[in-house]
Amino acid sequence: MNFKKLLLPLLFVSTLNADNGIYLELGLGATNVDNFEINSNKQNFKTGFAGVGEIGYKHKEHRFSLTTYYSQNELESIDSSTPIAASGTLVNSTYLLSYYYEFTNETPYVTSLGLGFGVTGLSDLVETKPAHLAFSPSMAVGYQVTESFVPTLTYRYLGSLKTDTTSYLNQHILTLGIKYIF
């Protein structure tokens, strides 16, 4: 499933400018992990569960937040030169400082682009890996029901740096959420 092609046209929808202030956003959805290797063995995972939480401050079209992701993906198969029978779950906990830009005009649609930097911790079939540096570009569209309440659909890409034992993390997260501006 290619989430980027699905959401790209929605970037051109604009927003009604909500009040400034502290906001809380919570989302639940699906996650997909691409081409992940541990100790030179490619691991293929099923589509999994993702949860996202943010607390931040909105000033005009700028938002700054502390963002956290949690996801679980069940192992589907391992590509290896020797047959390996394994089962288990890849668990990911991520913590980011994020910035978002919201596009504004007079419609109730809320559109934003964002970028976050932080750390991600992975727990796989064998062990918990040390925290990796992570980055996460995102795009979202929502509908401003009231000045404070905005249901959202958000695509996030989560990537991490390569380590000695793991490849780059390529994770796609699609969530339905609720943003509340206090």
Protein backbone atom coordinates (compact mmCIF):
# COMPACT_ATOMS: atom_id res chain seq x y z
CA MET A 1 0.00 0.00 0.00
CA ASN A 2 1.43 3.38 -1.01
CA PHE A 3 0.16 5.93 1.53
CA LYS A 4 2.11 8.79 -0.10
CA LYS A 5 0.13 8.63 -3.36
CA LEU A 6 -3.11 8.44 -1.41
CA LEU A 7 -2.51 11.63 0.59
CA LEU A 8 -0.53 13.80 -1.84
CA PRO A 9 -3.61 15.46 -3.43
CA LEU A 10 -4.89 16.39 0.04
CA LEU A 11 -1.89 18.67 0.64
CA PHE A 12 -3.43 21.34 -1.54
CA VAL A 13 -6.50 21.73 0.68
CA SER A 14 -6.21 24.72 3.03
CA THR A 15 -7.27 25.61 6.57
CA LEU A 16 -9.39 27.83 8.71
CA ASN A 17 -6.99 29.43 11.19
CA ALA A 18 -7.78 28.05 14.66
CA ASP A 19 -7.01 29.91 17.87
CA ASN A 20 -3.46 29.89 19.21
CA GLY A 21 -2.72 27.79 22.24
CA ILE A 22 -1.73 24.47 23.70
CA TYR A 23 -3.08 21.43 21.86
CA LEU A 24 -3.31 17.68 22.34
CA GLU A 25 -3.57 15.21 19.47
CA LEU A 26 -4.15 11.46 19.73
CA GLY A 27 -4.28 9.01 16.82
CA LEU A 28 -4.66 5.30 16.12
CA GLY A 29 -3.96 3.49 12.89
CA ALA A 30 -1.85 1.12 10.86
CA THR A 31 1.88 0.80 10.28
CA ASN A 32 4.01 -0.92 7.68
CA VAL A 33 7.76 -1.65 8.00
CA ASP A 34 9.82 -1.88 4.75
CA ASN A 35 13.07 -3.79 4.18
CA PHE A 36 14.26 -4.13 7.76
CA GLU A 37 17.42 -6.15 8.41
CA ILE A 38 18.86 -7.46 11.65
CA ASN A 39 22.26 -9.19 11.51
CA SER A 40 22.09 -9.26 7.66
CA ASN A 41 18.75 -11.14 7.62
CA LYS A 42 15.87 -9.32 5.94
CA GLN A 43 12.76 -9.50 8.11
CA ASN A 44 9.31 -9.07 6.60
CA PHE A 45 6.52 -7.86 8.87
CA LYS A 46 2.74 -7.82 8.61
CA THR A 47 0.85 -4.54 8.72
CA GLY A 48 0.59 -3.62 12.39
CA PHE A 49 -0.93 -1.31 14.97
CA ALA A 50 0.26 2.25 15.66
CA GLY A 51 -0.61 4.83 18.28
CA VAL A 52 0.53 8.47 18.20
CA GLY A 53 0.31 11.20 20.83
CA GLU A 54 1.32 14.86 20.70
CA ILE A 55 1.25 17.76 23.06
CA GLY A 56 2.32 21.10 21.72
CA TYR A 57 1.79 24.78 21.17
CA LYS A 58 0.14 26.39 18.12
CA HIS A 59 0.97 29.98 17.16
CA LYS A 60 -0.82 31.14 14.00
CA GLU A 61 0.24 28.69 11.28
CA HIS A 62 3.18 27.24 13.26
CA ARG A 63 2.96 24.28 15.65
CA PHE A 64 5.70 22.89 17.92
CA SER A 65 5.22 19.62 19.79
CA LEU A 66 6.57 16.67 21.70
CA THR A 67 5.47 13.63 19.72
CA THR A 68 5.49 9.95 20.66
CA TYR A 69 4.78 6.89 18.49
CA TYR A 70 4.22 3.31 19.57
CA SER A 71 3.86 0.47 17.08
CA GLN A 72 3.81 -3.32 16.85
CA ASN A 73 4.34 -5.42 13.75
CA GLU A 74 4.18 -9.24 13.76
CA LEU A 75 6.96 -11.11 11.91
CA GLU A 76 5.77 -12.64 8.64
CA SER A 77 9.02 -14.19 7.34
CA ILE A 78 12.82 -13.98 7.37
CA ASP A 79 14.80 -14.01 4.11
CA SER A 80 18.06 -15.83 4.82
CA SER A 81 20.47 -18.18 3.05
CA THR A 82 19.75 -20.71 5.82
CA PRO A 83 16.15 -21.52 6.74
CA ILE A 84 15.13 -19.79 9.96
CA ALA A 85 11.93 -20.59 11.81
CA ALA A 86 10.94 -17.66 14.00
CA SER A 87 7.97 -15.76 15.24
CA GLY A 88 7.62 -12.57 17.19
CA THR A 89 6.91 -8.88 17.13
CA LEU A 90 8.87 -5.74 16.29
CA VAL A 91 7.95 -3.11 18.90
CA ASN A 92 8.89 0.51 18.27
CA SER A 93 8.76 3.41 20.76
CA THR A 94 9.69 6.82 19.35
CA TYR A 95 10.07 10.29 20.92
CA LEU A 96 10.43 13.41 18.75
CA LEU A 97 10.52 17.18 18.81
CA SER A 98 8.32 18.20 15.89
CA TYR A 99 7.48 21.32 13.87
CA TYR A 100 4.39 21.69 11.65
CA TYR A 101 3.31 24.37 9.21
CA GLU A 102 -0.43 24.80 8.62
CA PHE A 103 -1.71 26.33 5.40
CA THR A 104 -4.44 28.95 5.95
CA ASN A 105 -7.44 30.40 4.14
CA GLU A 106 -11.17 30.56 4.88
CA THR A 107 -12.21 26.89 4.50
CA PRO A 108 -12.68 24.48 7.43
CA TYR A 109 -10.11 22.02 6.04
CA VAL A 110 -6.86 21.84 8.02
CA THR A 111 -3.73 20.84 6.10
CA SER A 112 -0.21 20.65 7.52
CA LEU A 113 3.30 19.51 6.74
CA GLY A 114 5.65 18.54 9.55
CA LEU A 115 9.11 17.30 10.44
CA GLY A 116 10.32 15.74 13.67
CA PHE A 117 13.72 14.66 15.02
CA GLY A 118 14.42 12.46 18.02
CA VAL A 119 15.09 8.87 19.03
CA THR A 120 13.46 5.51 18.40
CA GLY A 121 13.90 2.35 20.43
CA LEU A 122 13.31 -1.05 18.85
CA SER A 123 12.62 -4.37 20.52
CA ASP A 124 12.74 -7.33 18.16
CA LEU A 125 12.61 -11.09 18.36
CA VAL A 126 15.88 -11.40 20.26
CA GLU A 127 16.69 -8.23 22.17
CA THR A 128 16.03 -4.56 22.80
CA LYS A 129 18.22 -2.41 20.59
CA PRO A 130 19.77 0.84 21.86
CA ALA A 131 18.02 4.05 20.85
CA HIS A 132 18.59 5.19 17.25
CA LEU A 133 18.47 8.75 15.94
CA ALA A 134 15.18 9.15 14.07
CA PHE A 135 13.42 11.59 11.75
CA SER A 136 9.79 11.80 10.70
CA PRO A 137 8.30 13.95 7.92
CA SER A 138 4.50 14.03 7.94
CA MET A 139 1.44 15.43 6.21
CA ALA A 140 -2.07 15.72 7.56
CA VAL A 141 -5.54 16.79 6.55
CA GLY A 142 -8.42 17.43 8.90
CA TYR A 143 -11.74 19.17 9.20
CA GLN A 144 -12.18 21.91 11.76
CA VAL A 145 -15.52 21.07 13.39
CA THR A 146 -15.18 23.85 15.99
CA GLU A 147 -12.36 26.29 16.79
CA SER A 148 -10.96 23.69 19.19
CA PHE A 149 -11.89 20.27 17.70
CA VAL A 150 -10.25 18.84 14.55
CA PRO A 151 -10.52 15.18 13.42
CA THR A 152 -7.41 14.34 11.33
CA LEU A 153 -6.01 11.83 8.86
CA THR A 154 -2.19 11.81 9.07
CA TYR A 155 0.57 10.05 7.14
CA ARG A 156 3.96 9.85 8.86
CA TYR A 157 7.18 8.33 7.60
CA LEU A 158 9.57 7.22 10.33
CA GLY A 159 13.20 6.62 9.46
CA SER A 160 16.22 5.89 11.61
CA LEU A 161 19.96 5.76 11.09
CA LYS A 162 21.69 2.48 10.34
CA THR A 163 23.57 0.75 13.16
CA ASP A 164 26.10 -2.09 13.34
CA THR A 165 23.39 -4.75 13.60
CA THR A 166 20.30 -3.16 11.99
CA SER A 167 19.48 -1.52 8.69
CA TYR A 168 17.73 1.81 8.30
CA LEU A 169 14.20 1.72 9.70
CA ASN A 170 11.61 2.58 7.03
CA GLN A 171 8.20 2.73 8.64
CA HIS A 172 4.96 4.16 7.25
CA ILE A 173 2.24 5.19 9.71
CA LEU A 174 -1.32 6.16 8.76
CA THR A 175 -3.57 7.33 11.60
CA LEU A 176 -7.02 8.74 12.25
CA GLY A 177 -6.84 11.19 15.10
CA ILE A 178 -8.41 13.93 17.11
CA LYS A 179 -6.72 17.27 17.78
CA TYR A 180 -8.03 19.49 20.55
CA ILE A 181 -6.78 23.08 20.93
CA PHE A 182 -7.21 24.43 24.47
